[in-house]
Structure formats: structure tokens, C-alpha cells
Amino acid sequence: MDAERLARIADLAATAQPDWDASHNGEALQEYLKGIGCDGVDAVMVTMRVAGCDLGEAQRMFFSAPSRAAERDFHNAFMDGLERAQSDV
């Protein structure tokens, strides 16, 4: 990961930290991040940093949040396609 992206993630984490500290609510954190345009891998990495959790927990917070339904649906459809392609081989 390049230095610019790492700096952006650090800045987003610093911005999101007060909201997390006030609520410790993963859904609220994801809604906040989505609202400021932080999506995908960056949102998962910010979640790891802000919540002090591992990758698995950050992904669970990301994909279980109602505000991330579109990302979850895309991820599930993509994984289903990969599984179908694998079974066709």
C-alpha cells in the first residue's frame, strides 16, 4: 500500500475515532464512513484502526451494517460466481 493511501486511512481514522469512542457501534461507524465517502477496503482498514480489531472483525462490521447492503450483495454475487466457475473446471 502506498504512502498516500496509508496517510488517507490514518486521516479518516482520526476523523472517525470520536464517533466510535462515543458509541462503540459498528453499524454507526459504517454509516459514518459511508457518509464521508470511505468505502471498500479503505473502510475495513479504518474500522480495524478505529475499533482496534482484527481483519475478520472489521469485515464482519463492514458487511453486516445495513448501510453496506450494496457492497455485501456485490461481494456475495461475486463469490457465488467464483464458486460456479470453480465447479465448471
N, C-alpha and C. Protein backbone atom coordinates (compact mmCIF):
# COMPACT_ATOMS: atom_id res chain seq x y z
N MET A 1 0.85 -1.16 0.00
CA MET A 1 0.00 0.00 0.00
C MET A 1 0.90 1.23 0.00
N ASP A 2 0.56 2.19 -0.84
CA ASP A 2 1.41 3.37 -0.96
C ASP A 2 1.22 4.33 0.22
N ALA A 3 2.19 5.22 0.36
CA ALA A 3 2.19 6.15 1.49
C ALA A 3 0.98 7.08 1.47
N GLU A 4 0.54 7.48 0.29
CA GLU A 4 -0.61 8.38 0.19
C GLU A 4 -1.87 7.71 0.72
N ARG A 5 -2.06 6.45 0.36
CA ARG A 5 -3.25 5.73 0.84
C ARG A 5 -3.18 5.51 2.34
N LEU A 6 -2.02 5.14 2.84
CA LEU A 6 -1.86 4.96 4.28
C LEU A 6 -2.15 6.25 5.04
N ALA A 7 -1.72 7.38 4.49
CA ALA A 7 -1.98 8.67 5.13
C ALA A 7 -3.48 8.98 5.10
N ARG A 8 -4.15 8.67 3.99
CA ARG A 8 -5.60 8.91 3.88
C ARG A 8 -6.35 8.07 4.90
N ILE A 9 -5.96 6.81 5.06
CA ILE A 9 -6.59 5.93 6.04
C ILE A 9 -6.37 6.46 7.46
N ALA A 10 -5.17 6.92 7.74
CA ALA A 10 -4.88 7.49 9.07
C ALA A 10 -5.74 8.73 9.32
N ASP A 11 -5.88 9.59 8.31
CA ASP A 11 -6.71 10.79 8.46
C ASP A 11 -8.18 10.43 8.69
N LEU A 12 -8.68 9.48 7.91
CA LEU A 12 -10.07 9.05 8.07
C LEU A 12 -10.30 8.43 9.44
N ALA A 13 -9.33 7.66 9.90
CA ALA A 13 -9.45 7.04 11.23
C ALA A 13 -9.49 8.11 12.32
N ALA A 14 -8.64 9.13 12.19
CA ALA A 14 -8.63 10.21 13.18
C ALA A 14 -9.97 10.95 13.18
N THR A 15 -10.57 11.10 12.02
CA THR A 15 -11.87 11.77 11.91
C THR A 15 -12.98 10.92 12.52
N ALA A 16 -12.91 9.61 12.33
CA ALA A 16 -13.96 8.70 12.79
C ALA A 16 -13.83 8.31 14.26
N GLN A 17 -12.65 8.44 14.82
CA GLN A 17 -12.39 7.96 16.19
C GLN A 17 -13.36 8.54 17.23
N PRO A 18 -13.65 9.84 17.22
CA PRO A 18 -14.57 10.36 18.24
C PRO A 18 -15.97 9.73 18.17
N ASP A 19 -16.46 9.46 16.97
CA ASP A 19 -17.77 8.82 16.85
C ASP A 19 -17.73 7.41 17.42
N TRP A 20 -16.66 6.67 17.12
CA TRP A 20 -16.51 5.32 17.65
C TRP A 20 -16.41 5.36 19.17
N ASP A 21 -15.59 6.27 19.69
CA ASP A 21 -15.41 6.36 21.14
C ASP A 21 -16.72 6.66 21.86
N ALA A 22 -17.59 7.42 21.22
CA ALA A 22 -18.86 7.79 21.83
C ALA A 22 -19.86 6.64 21.83
N SER A 23 -19.78 5.75 20.83
CA SER A 23 -20.84 4.74 20.71
C SER A 23 -20.37 3.28 20.71
N HIS A 24 -19.16 3.03 20.25
CA HIS A 24 -18.68 1.65 20.06
C HIS A 24 -19.71 0.83 19.29
N ASN A 25 -20.28 1.46 18.27
CA ASN A 25 -21.33 0.84 17.47
C ASN A 25 -20.82 0.66 16.05
N GLY A 26 -20.65 -0.59 15.62
CA GLY A 26 -20.13 -0.88 14.30
C GLY A 26 -21.02 -0.40 13.18
N GLU A 27 -22.33 -0.52 13.35
CA GLU A 27 -23.26 -0.04 12.32
C GLU A 27 -23.16 1.47 12.17
N ALA A 28 -23.10 2.17 13.27
CA ALA A 28 -22.99 3.63 13.23
C ALA A 28 -21.66 4.05 12.59
N LEU A 29 -20.61 3.32 12.90
CA LEU A 29 -19.31 3.62 12.30
C LEU A 29 -19.37 3.46 10.79
N GLN A 30 -19.97 2.37 10.32
CA GLN A 30 -20.05 2.15 8.88
C GLN A 30 -20.92 3.20 8.19
N GLU A 31 -21.99 3.59 8.84
CA GLU A 31 -22.84 4.64 8.27
C GLU A 31 -22.06 5.95 8.18
N TYR A 32 -21.30 6.26 9.21
CA TYR A 32 -20.48 7.47 9.20
C TYR A 32 -19.45 7.41 8.07
N LEU A 33 -18.74 6.28 7.97
CA LEU A 33 -17.71 6.14 6.94
C LEU A 33 -18.31 6.24 5.54
N LYS A 34 -19.44 5.60 5.35
CA LYS A 34 -20.10 5.67 4.04
C LYS A 34 -20.48 7.12 3.73
N GLY A 35 -20.96 7.83 4.73
CA GLY A 35 -21.35 9.22 4.54
C GLY A 35 -20.22 10.15 4.15
N ILE A 36 -19.00 9.81 4.53
CA ILE A 36 -17.85 10.64 4.16
C ILE A 36 -17.10 10.07 2.96
N GLY A 37 -17.71 9.06 2.32
CA GLY A 37 -17.12 8.51 1.09
C GLY A 37 -16.02 7.50 1.30
N CYS A 38 -15.97 6.90 2.47
CA CYS A 38 -14.97 5.87 2.76
C CYS A 38 -15.61 4.51 2.58
N ASP A 39 -15.22 3.81 1.52
CA ASP A 39 -15.84 2.54 1.16
C ASP A 39 -14.79 1.45 0.97
N GLY A 40 -15.28 0.24 0.80
CA GLY A 40 -14.43 -0.89 0.43
C GLY A 40 -13.32 -1.18 1.41
N VAL A 41 -12.17 -1.51 0.84
CA VAL A 41 -11.01 -1.90 1.64
C VAL A 41 -10.61 -0.78 2.59
N ASP A 42 -10.69 0.46 2.12
CA ASP A 42 -10.33 1.58 2.99
C ASP A 42 -11.22 1.61 4.24
N ALA A 43 -12.52 1.37 4.07
CA ALA A 43 -13.43 1.37 5.21
C ALA A 43 -13.09 0.24 6.18
N VAL A 44 -12.72 -0.91 5.65
CA VAL A 44 -12.33 -2.03 6.52
C VAL A 44 -11.06 -1.68 7.28
N MET A 45 -10.10 -1.07 6.60
CA MET A 45 -8.84 -0.71 7.27
C MET A 45 -9.06 0.37 8.31
N VAL A 46 -9.91 1.35 8.02
CA VAL A 46 -10.23 2.38 9.01
C VAL A 46 -10.92 1.74 10.21
N THR A 47 -11.83 0.81 9.94
CA THR A 47 -12.53 0.11 11.02
C THR A 47 -11.53 -0.62 11.92
N MET A 48 -10.58 -1.31 11.32
CA MET A 48 -9.56 -2.02 12.12
C MET A 48 -8.84 -1.05 13.04
N ARG A 49 -8.46 0.08 12.49
CA ARG A 49 -7.68 1.05 13.27
C ARG A 49 -8.53 1.69 14.37
N VAL A 50 -9.73 2.12 14.02
CA VAL A 50 -10.59 2.84 14.96
C VAL A 50 -11.09 1.91 16.08
N ALA A 51 -11.53 0.72 15.69
CA ALA A 51 -12.10 -0.21 16.67
C ALA A 51 -11.04 -1.06 17.36
N GLY A 52 -9.81 -1.02 16.85
CA GLY A 52 -8.74 -1.82 17.45
C GLY A 52 -9.00 -3.31 17.32
N CYS A 53 -9.52 -3.72 16.16
CA CYS A 53 -9.88 -5.12 15.97
C CYS A 53 -9.08 -5.73 14.82
N ASP A 54 -9.23 -7.03 14.65
CA ASP A 54 -8.53 -7.71 13.56
C ASP A 54 -9.33 -7.61 12.26
N LEU A 55 -8.75 -8.13 11.19
CA LEU A 55 -9.37 -8.05 9.88
C LEU A 55 -10.73 -8.73 9.84
N GLY A 56 -10.84 -9.89 10.43
CA GLY A 56 -12.10 -10.62 10.42
C GLY A 56 -13.23 -9.85 11.08
N GLU A 57 -12.96 -9.26 12.22
CA GLU A 57 -13.99 -8.48 12.93
C GLU A 57 -14.35 -7.22 12.14
N ALA A 58 -13.35 -6.58 11.55
CA ALA A 58 -13.63 -5.37 10.75
C ALA A 58 -14.49 -5.73 9.54
N GLN A 59 -14.22 -6.85 8.91
CA GLN A 59 -15.04 -7.28 7.77
C GLN A 59 -16.46 -7.59 8.22
N ARG A 60 -16.61 -8.23 9.37
CA ARG A 60 -17.96 -8.50 9.89
C ARG A 60 -18.73 -7.21 10.13
N MET A 61 -18.06 -6.22 10.73
CA MET A 61 -18.73 -4.93 10.95
C MET A 61 -19.12 -4.29 9.62
N PHE A 62 -18.23 -4.36 8.66
CA PHE A 62 -18.49 -3.76 7.35
C PHE A 62 -19.66 -4.44 6.65
N PHE A 63 -19.59 -5.76 6.50
CA PHE A 63 -20.59 -6.46 5.71
C PHE A 63 -21.93 -6.64 6.43
N SER A 64 -21.95 -6.52 7.75
CA SER A 64 -23.22 -6.69 8.47
C SER A 64 -23.99 -5.38 8.63
N ALA A 65 -23.35 -4.26 8.35
CA ALA A 65 -24.02 -2.96 8.51
C ALA A 65 -25.07 -2.76 7.42
N PRO A 66 -26.28 -2.36 7.80
CA PRO A 66 -27.33 -2.11 6.80
C PRO A 66 -26.90 -1.12 5.71
N SER A 67 -26.08 -0.14 6.08
CA SER A 67 -25.65 0.85 5.09
C SER A 67 -24.69 0.27 4.06
N ARG A 68 -24.22 -0.95 4.28
CA ARG A 68 -23.29 -1.60 3.36
C ARG A 68 -23.97 -2.72 2.56
N ALA A 69 -25.29 -2.71 2.48
CA ALA A 69 -26.02 -3.78 1.79
C ALA A 69 -25.58 -3.93 0.34
N ALA A 70 -25.37 -2.84 -0.37
CA ALA A 70 -24.96 -2.94 -1.78
C ALA A 70 -23.60 -3.61 -1.91
N GLU A 71 -22.66 -3.27 -1.04
CA GLU A 71 -21.34 -3.90 -1.07
C GLU A 71 -21.45 -5.38 -0.73
N ARG A 72 -22.27 -5.71 0.27
CA ARG A 72 -22.46 -7.10 0.68
C ARG A 72 -23.07 -7.90 -0.46
N ASP A 73 -24.09 -7.35 -1.11
CA ASP A 73 -24.74 -8.06 -2.22
C ASP A 73 -23.76 -8.28 -3.37
N PHE A 74 -22.95 -7.27 -3.69
CA PHE A 74 -21.95 -7.43 -4.74
C PHE A 74 -20.94 -8.52 -4.37
N HIS A 75 -20.45 -8.46 -3.14
CA HIS A 75 -19.48 -9.44 -2.66
C HIS A 75 -20.05 -10.85 -2.76
N ASN A 76 -21.28 -11.04 -2.30
CA ASN A 76 -21.89 -12.36 -2.33
C ASN A 76 -22.09 -12.86 -3.76
N ALA A 77 -22.53 -11.97 -4.66
CA ALA A 77 -22.72 -12.37 -6.06
C ALA A 77 -21.38 -12.72 -6.70
N PHE A 78 -20.36 -11.96 -6.40
CA PHE A 78 -19.03 -12.23 -6.94
C PHE A 78 -18.50 -13.58 -6.45
N MET A 79 -18.65 -13.83 -5.15
CA MET A 79 -18.18 -15.11 -4.59
C MET A 79 -18.97 -16.29 -5.16
N ASP A 80 -20.28 -16.11 -5.34
CA ASP A 80 -21.09 -17.17 -5.97
C ASP A 80 -20.59 -17.46 -7.38
N GLY A 81 -20.27 -16.42 -8.13
CA GLY A 81 -19.74 -16.59 -9.48
C GLY A 81 -18.41 -17.32 -9.49
N LEU A 82 -17.55 -16.98 -8.55
CA LEU A 82 -16.27 -17.69 -8.44
C LEU A 82 -16.48 -19.17 -8.12
N GLU A 83 -17.39 -19.45 -7.22
CA GLU A 83 -17.67 -20.85 -6.87
C GLU A 83 -18.24 -21.62 -8.05
N ARG A 84 -19.13 -20.99 -8.82
CA ARG A 84 -19.68 -21.65 -10.01
C ARG A 84 -18.59 -21.90 -11.04
N ALA A 85 -17.73 -20.92 -11.24
CA ALA A 85 -16.64 -21.07 -12.20
C ALA A 85 -15.69 -22.19 -11.76
N GLN A 86 -15.45 -22.29 -10.49
CA GLN A 86 -14.56 -23.34 -9.97
C GLN A 86 -15.18 -24.71 -10.19
N SER A 87 -16.48 -24.85 -10.02
CA SER A 87 -17.13 -26.14 -10.19
C SER A 87 -17.23 -26.54 -11.66
N ASP A 88 -17.11 -25.55 -12.57
CA ASP A 88 -17.15 -25.83 -14.00
C ASP A 88 -15.82 -26.35 -14.52
N VAL A 89 -14.77 -26.23 -13.73
CA VAL A 89 -13.42 -26.64 -14.17
C VAL A 89 -13.23 -28.12 -14.04
